[in-house]
Amino acid sequence: MRGLVFLLAMAAALAHAAPYEGPLFDAHLHYNEEARTPYPLPEVLARMQRAGVRAIVANSRPNTGTRDLASALDATRAAGVSVVPFVRLYRNRADYNGWFADESIHAMVLDELARGTPAGPFRGIGEFHLYDSANADGPVARRLMQLAAERGLVVLAHVDDDAIDRLMAHAPAATIIWAHTGIGGTPIERVRQLLARYPKLRGELSYRPGLLAADGRLSPAWRALLSEQPERFLIGSDTWINARWDGYEALMAEYRAWLGELPPAAARRIAWENGAAMFGLMPTSLPSPDAPTR
């Protein structure tokens, strides 16, 4: 009977959970070539500001989009958005399929790192895709992982669980943000195993199958994992197509809704603190927006 009372109390609490209202760190944002004309810079910054996003990991195809964001110092400061630039490996869509063995990609990354941005040095590499996990052993994939570890760069990787093992074997000291925490819905037991094996692995939660139940609330298994290990996860918009920009504020509102189901300290870590700590964005160093955010 006591157990039933507890479950009913938990259900009632979840039914009345208030959305998370604090700042958001968008750890997976693209400002790709096809977005730049229909969504000019003032518009995308306005969407971030309205959504309460205070920092972004910017990675774009080509890197021009990231440079636009990182160069707009006055505009981003006014919007209250800190830009953390990453070097993406794609000059065009053809690069998705062969970057891991293309020496010109390695040279491009070195050139971008040497050049830096007005917002500061590049802080990471990616997002990159591996449609066949065996390609994680490609010569350029191996060299870029080792480069990331040597220079303290974060890697944003859209890969399966086998590729995580392969990539980490090349550079055990590297930090990986695992886009979507596994493509294709890696079983949560396997996610737990990899988190235990690699202390510097972080899971990003956009498009994560099984995260939410049919009613839009966190599934019990994911609520348990996020409550137990909130320090291991981040959120992201993954604006890989323009439709994601159309729905940007709704995406962030969805995050706020399920973050509100977690203990407040866990919600703050996933929403903001993990990304801020990873890239040294302390609250006192944040830009102040002209208008208050939610």
Protein backbone atom coordinates (compact mmCIF):
# COMPACT_ATOMS: atom_id res chain seq x y z
CA MET A 1 0.00 0.00 0.00
CA ARG A 2 2.81 2.37 0.90
CA GLY A 3 4.41 1.73 -2.52
CA LEU A 4 1.14 2.48 -4.28
CA VAL A 5 0.80 5.76 -2.37
CA PHE A 6 4.34 6.72 -3.41
CA LEU A 7 3.65 5.97 -7.08
CA LEU A 8 0.44 7.98 -7.00
CA ALA A 9 2.25 10.88 -5.39
CA MET A 10 4.94 10.76 -8.06
CA ALA A 11 2.32 10.68 -10.81
CA ALA A 12 0.57 13.69 -9.30
CA ALA A 13 3.85 15.60 -9.06
CA LEU A 14 4.70 14.88 -12.68
CA ALA A 15 1.23 15.91 -13.81
CA HIS A 16 1.83 19.35 -12.27
CA ALA A 17 5.53 19.71 -13.07
CA ALA A 18 6.33 23.25 -14.15
CA PRO A 19 8.56 23.71 -17.19
CA TYR A 20 12.20 24.51 -16.59
CA GLU A 21 12.60 28.29 -16.81
CA GLY A 22 16.37 28.81 -16.72
CA PRO A 23 18.94 29.44 -19.46
CA LEU A 24 19.53 26.90 -22.23
CA PHE A 25 22.76 25.81 -23.89
CA ASP A 26 22.13 24.59 -27.44
CA ALA A 27 24.99 22.12 -27.94
CA HIS A 28 24.14 21.11 -31.53
CA LEU A 29 23.26 24.01 -33.82
CA HIS A 30 23.86 24.37 -37.58
CA TYR A 31 23.65 27.58 -39.59
CA ASN A 32 24.00 25.85 -42.93
CA GLU A 33 24.28 27.40 -46.36
CA GLU A 34 20.61 26.91 -47.21
CA ALA A 35 19.47 28.63 -44.01
CA ARG A 36 21.40 31.86 -44.33
CA THR A 37 19.12 33.61 -46.85
CA PRO A 38 15.66 32.65 -45.52
CA TYR A 39 16.84 33.06 -41.91
CA PRO A 40 19.18 36.06 -41.75
CA LEU A 41 21.36 36.50 -38.71
CA PRO A 42 19.07 38.96 -36.84
CA GLU A 43 16.19 36.49 -37.19
CA VAL A 44 18.06 33.44 -35.90
CA LEU A 45 19.41 35.42 -32.95
CA ALA A 46 15.91 36.68 -32.18
CA ARG A 47 14.65 33.09 -32.14
CA MET A 48 17.41 32.08 -29.74
CA GLN A 49 16.67 35.04 -27.49
CA ARG A 50 12.94 34.37 -27.40
CA ALA A 51 13.65 30.71 -26.55
CA GLY A 52 15.96 31.64 -23.69
CA VAL A 53 19.04 30.13 -25.37
CA ARG A 54 22.11 31.80 -23.90
CA ALA A 55 24.89 29.86 -25.66
CA ILE A 56 25.31 27.67 -28.74
CA VAL A 57 27.78 25.24 -30.23
CA ALA A 58 27.85 26.52 -33.82
CA ASN A 59 28.89 24.13 -36.59
CA SER A 60 27.86 24.69 -40.17
CA ARG A 61 28.20 23.49 -43.74
CA PRO A 62 30.37 25.20 -44.89
CA ASN A 63 32.07 26.90 -41.97
CA THR A 64 30.98 30.28 -43.32
CA GLY A 65 27.75 30.06 -41.34
CA THR A 66 29.64 29.56 -38.10
CA ARG A 67 31.93 32.46 -38.99
CA ASP A 68 28.87 34.68 -39.53
CA LEU A 69 27.66 33.87 -36.03
CA ALA A 70 31.10 34.20 -34.46
CA SER A 71 31.77 37.53 -36.23
CA ALA A 72 28.55 39.23 -35.15
CA LEU A 73 29.93 40.25 -31.77
CA ASP A 74 27.63 43.22 -31.18
CA ALA A 75 24.52 41.36 -32.32
CA THR A 76 25.19 38.22 -30.29
CA ARG A 77 26.02 40.30 -27.23
CA ALA A 78 22.77 42.22 -27.59
CA ALA A 79 20.84 38.94 -27.91
CA GLY A 80 22.60 37.49 -24.88
CA VAL A 81 24.03 34.56 -26.85
CA SER A 82 27.57 33.23 -26.50
CA VAL A 83 28.90 31.49 -29.62
CA VAL A 84 31.15 28.45 -29.18
CA PRO A 85 32.56 27.77 -32.67
CA PHE A 86 33.37 24.27 -33.95
CA VAL A 87 35.10 23.38 -37.22
CA ARG A 88 32.76 21.27 -39.30
CA LEU A 89 34.33 18.81 -41.73
CA TYR A 90 32.00 19.54 -44.63
CA ARG A 91 32.59 22.03 -47.41
CA ASN A 92 29.62 20.53 -49.29
CA ARG A 93 27.31 17.53 -49.08
CA ALA A 94 29.76 15.28 -50.93
CA ASP A 95 32.14 15.49 -47.97
CA TYR A 96 29.71 13.57 -45.74
CA ASN A 97 30.62 10.28 -47.38
CA GLY A 98 34.40 10.32 -47.54
CA TRP A 99 35.85 12.81 -45.05
CA PHE A 100 37.39 10.06 -42.90
CA ALA A 101 39.96 9.25 -45.62
CA ASP A 102 40.27 12.67 -47.30
CA GLU A 103 43.55 14.43 -46.54
CA SER A 104 42.15 17.71 -47.85
CA ILE A 105 39.65 17.65 -44.96
CA HIS A 106 42.49 17.29 -42.47
CA ALA A 107 44.28 20.24 -44.10
CA MET A 108 41.08 22.33 -44.03
CA VAL A 109 40.61 21.66 -40.31
CA LEU A 110 44.19 22.72 -39.56
CA ASP A 111 43.72 25.91 -41.59
CA GLU A 112 40.48 26.78 -39.79
CA LEU A 113 42.02 26.13 -36.37
CA ALA A 114 44.97 28.36 -37.20
CA ARG A 115 42.66 31.13 -38.41
CA GLY A 116 40.29 31.17 -35.44
CA THR A 117 37.22 33.42 -35.22
CA PRO A 118 36.37 36.89 -33.86
CA ALA A 119 34.54 35.11 -31.02
CA GLY A 120 37.73 33.26 -30.10
CA PRO A 121 39.44 30.03 -31.10
CA PHE A 122 37.53 27.05 -32.41
CA ARG A 123 36.67 24.83 -29.46
CA GLY A 124 35.79 21.60 -31.22
CA ILE A 125 35.55 19.47 -34.36
CA GLY A 126 32.31 18.28 -35.91
CA GLU A 127 29.53 17.47 -36.26
CA PHE A 128 30.63 14.60 -38.49
CA HIS A 129 28.79 11.48 -39.63
CA LEU A 130 29.92 7.89 -39.97
CA TYR A 131 27.33 5.81 -41.79
CA ASP A 132 29.56 2.73 -41.48
CA SER A 133 31.21 2.45 -38.07
CA ALA A 134 34.27 0.77 -39.60
CA ASN A 135 35.13 4.15 -41.17
CA ALA A 136 35.98 5.40 -37.69
CA ASP A 137 39.30 3.66 -38.37
CA GLY A 138 39.93 5.73 -41.49
CA PRO A 139 43.26 7.59 -41.48
CA VAL A 140 41.77 11.09 -41.26
CA ALA A 141 39.27 10.04 -38.59
CA ARG A 142 42.15 8.68 -36.52
CA ARG A 143 44.29 11.79 -37.00
CA LEU A 144 41.48 14.19 -36.16
CA MET A 145 40.62 12.30 -32.97
CA GLN A 146 44.26 12.46 -31.93
CA LEU A 147 44.40 16.15 -32.84
CA ALA A 148 41.34 16.82 -30.69
CA ALA A 149 42.89 15.08 -27.70
CA GLU A 150 46.20 16.91 -28.13
CA ARG A 151 44.60 20.35 -28.39
CA GLY A 152 41.76 19.89 -25.92
CA LEU A 153 39.09 20.15 -28.61
CA VAL A 154 35.64 18.62 -28.14
CA VAL A 155 34.37 16.23 -30.84
CA LEU A 156 30.70 16.26 -31.95
CA ALA A 157 30.04 12.87 -33.56
CA HIS A 158 26.91 11.48 -35.24
CA VAL A 159 27.79 7.80 -34.99
CA ASP A 160 26.62 4.47 -33.62
CA ASP A 161 27.84 2.81 -30.45
CA ASP A 162 30.45 0.68 -32.23
CA ALA A 163 32.01 3.82 -33.69
CA ILE A 164 32.21 5.36 -30.21
CA ASP A 165 34.42 2.47 -29.14
CA ARG A 166 36.57 2.84 -32.25
CA LEU A 167 36.95 6.60 -31.98
CA MET A 168 37.84 6.47 -28.31
CA ALA A 169 40.44 3.78 -29.02
CA HIS A 170 42.30 6.32 -31.18
CA ALA A 171 42.26 9.03 -28.50
CA PRO A 172 41.20 7.85 -25.03
CA ALA A 173 41.67 11.34 -23.58
CA ALA A 174 39.28 12.99 -26.05
CA THR A 175 35.89 14.43 -25.08
CA ILE A 176 33.04 13.37 -27.36
CA ILE A 177 29.57 14.84 -27.52
CA TRP A 178 27.58 11.92 -28.90
CA ALA A 179 24.97 13.45 -31.19
CA HIS A 180 21.51 12.05 -30.42
CA THR A 181 23.13 9.71 -27.86
CA GLY A 182 23.25 7.06 -30.53
CA ILE A 183 21.73 6.89 -33.98
CA GLY A 184 18.94 4.39 -34.53
CA GLY A 185 18.02 4.22 -30.87
CA THR A 186 21.00 2.57 -29.21
CA PRO A 187 19.51 0.59 -26.27
CA ILE A 188 19.68 2.47 -23.00
CA GLU A 189 21.61 -0.39 -21.40
CA ARG A 190 24.33 0.09 -24.01
CA VAL A 191 24.28 3.85 -23.40
CA ARG A 192 24.86 3.20 -19.70
CA GLN A 193 27.72 0.84 -20.53
CA LEU A 194 29.48 3.41 -22.71
CA LEU A 195 29.02 6.20 -20.19
CA ALA A 196 30.64 4.00 -17.56
CA ARG A 197 33.49 3.05 -19.90
CA TYR A 198 34.30 6.58 -21.12
CA PRO A 199 34.17 9.30 -18.45
CA LYS A 200 34.54 12.06 -21.09
CA LEU A 201 31.61 10.90 -23.21
CA ARG A 202 28.57 13.18 -23.19
CA GLY A 203 25.18 12.47 -24.73
CA GLU A 204 23.29 15.10 -26.74
CA LEU A 205 19.55 14.45 -26.75
CA SER A 206 18.02 15.77 -29.98
CA TYR A 207 16.14 13.16 -32.01
CA ARG A 208 16.77 10.55 -29.30
CA PRO A 209 14.38 7.58 -29.87
CA GLY A 210 12.69 6.40 -26.70
CA LEU A 211 13.45 9.56 -24.73
CA LEU A 212 9.79 10.54 -24.58
CA ALA A 213 6.78 8.31 -24.12
CA ALA A 214 3.66 8.54 -26.26
CA ASP A 215 2.20 11.20 -23.97
CA GLY A 216 5.22 13.48 -24.50
CA ARG A 217 6.67 12.89 -21.05
CA LEU A 218 10.01 11.34 -20.29
CA SER A 219 10.00 7.57 -20.49
CA PRO A 220 10.67 5.97 -17.07
CA ALA A 221 14.01 4.52 -18.17
CA TRP A 222 15.31 7.84 -19.46
CA ARG A 223 13.94 9.78 -16.49
CA ALA A 224 15.92 7.44 -14.25
CA LEU A 225 19.14 7.79 -16.25
CA LEU A 226 18.93 11.58 -16.55
CA SER A 227 18.18 11.89 -12.83
CA GLU A 228 21.06 9.58 -11.88
CA GLN A 229 23.68 11.02 -14.26
CA PRO A 230 22.63 14.56 -15.24
CA GLU A 231 26.27 15.60 -15.58
CA ARG A 232 26.59 13.44 -18.72
CA PHE A 233 23.95 15.03 -20.98
CA LEU A 234 23.28 18.13 -23.07
CA ILE A 235 20.45 19.37 -25.27
CA GLY A 236 20.58 20.57 -28.87
CA SER A 237 18.37 21.82 -31.68
CA ASP A 238 20.11 20.11 -34.64
CA THR A 239 18.92 22.70 -37.16
CA TRP A 240 20.11 20.53 -40.05
CA ILE A 241 17.16 21.51 -42.26
CA ASN A 242 15.26 24.77 -42.45
CA ALA A 243 12.16 23.24 -40.91
CA ARG A 244 14.08 22.98 -37.65
CA TRP A 245 14.56 26.75 -37.73
CA ASP A 246 10.83 27.18 -38.31
CA GLY A 247 10.19 25.21 -35.14
CA TYR A 248 13.16 26.40 -33.10
CA GLU A 249 11.19 27.95 -30.24
CA ALA A 250 8.83 24.97 -30.10
CA LEU A 251 11.82 22.59 -29.88
CA MET A 252 13.18 24.51 -26.93
CA ALA A 253 9.76 24.63 -25.29
CA GLU A 254 9.61 20.83 -25.57
CA TYR A 255 12.94 20.58 -23.79
CA ARG A 256 11.69 22.92 -21.07
CA ALA A 257 8.60 20.76 -20.58
CA TRP A 258 10.42 17.47 -19.94
CA LEU A 259 13.29 19.11 -18.06
CA GLY A 260 10.61 20.23 -15.64
CA GLU A 261 9.95 16.57 -14.81
CA LEU A 262 13.48 16.16 -13.42
CA PRO A 263 14.84 17.26 -10.06
CA PRO A 264 15.67 20.97 -10.41
CA ALA A 265 19.42 20.47 -9.97
CA ALA A 266 19.45 17.80 -12.69
CA ALA A 267 17.43 20.00 -15.05
CA ARG A 268 19.86 22.91 -14.60
CA ARG A 269 22.84 20.69 -15.31
CA ILE A 270 21.43 19.26 -18.54
CA ALA A 271 19.91 22.52 -19.76
CA TRP A 272 22.81 24.84 -19.08
CA GLU A 273 25.52 23.97 -16.59
CA ASN A 274 27.17 21.06 -18.40
CA GLY A 275 27.73 23.03 -21.59
CA ALA A 276 28.73 26.17 -19.71
CA ALA A 277 31.29 24.27 -17.66
CA MET A 278 32.67 22.41 -20.68
CA PHE A 279 33.47 25.69 -22.46
CA GLY A 280 34.17 27.96 -19.49
CA LEU A 281 31.02 30.07 -19.66
CA MET A 282 30.50 31.12 -16.09
CA PRO A 283 27.28 33.02 -15.25
CA THR A 284 29.22 36.22 -14.56
CA SER A 285 30.79 36.14 -18.03
CA LEU A 286 27.52 35.81 -19.94
CA PRO A 287 26.46 38.65 -22.24
CA SER A 288 23.45 40.59 -21.04
CA PRO A 289 20.53 40.61 -23.49
CA ASP A 290 18.77 43.89 -24.18
CA ALA A 291 15.45 42.26 -23.31
CA PRO A 292 14.84 39.65 -20.60
CA THR A 293 14.51 36.04 -21.63
CA ARG A 294 12.18 33.50 -20.14
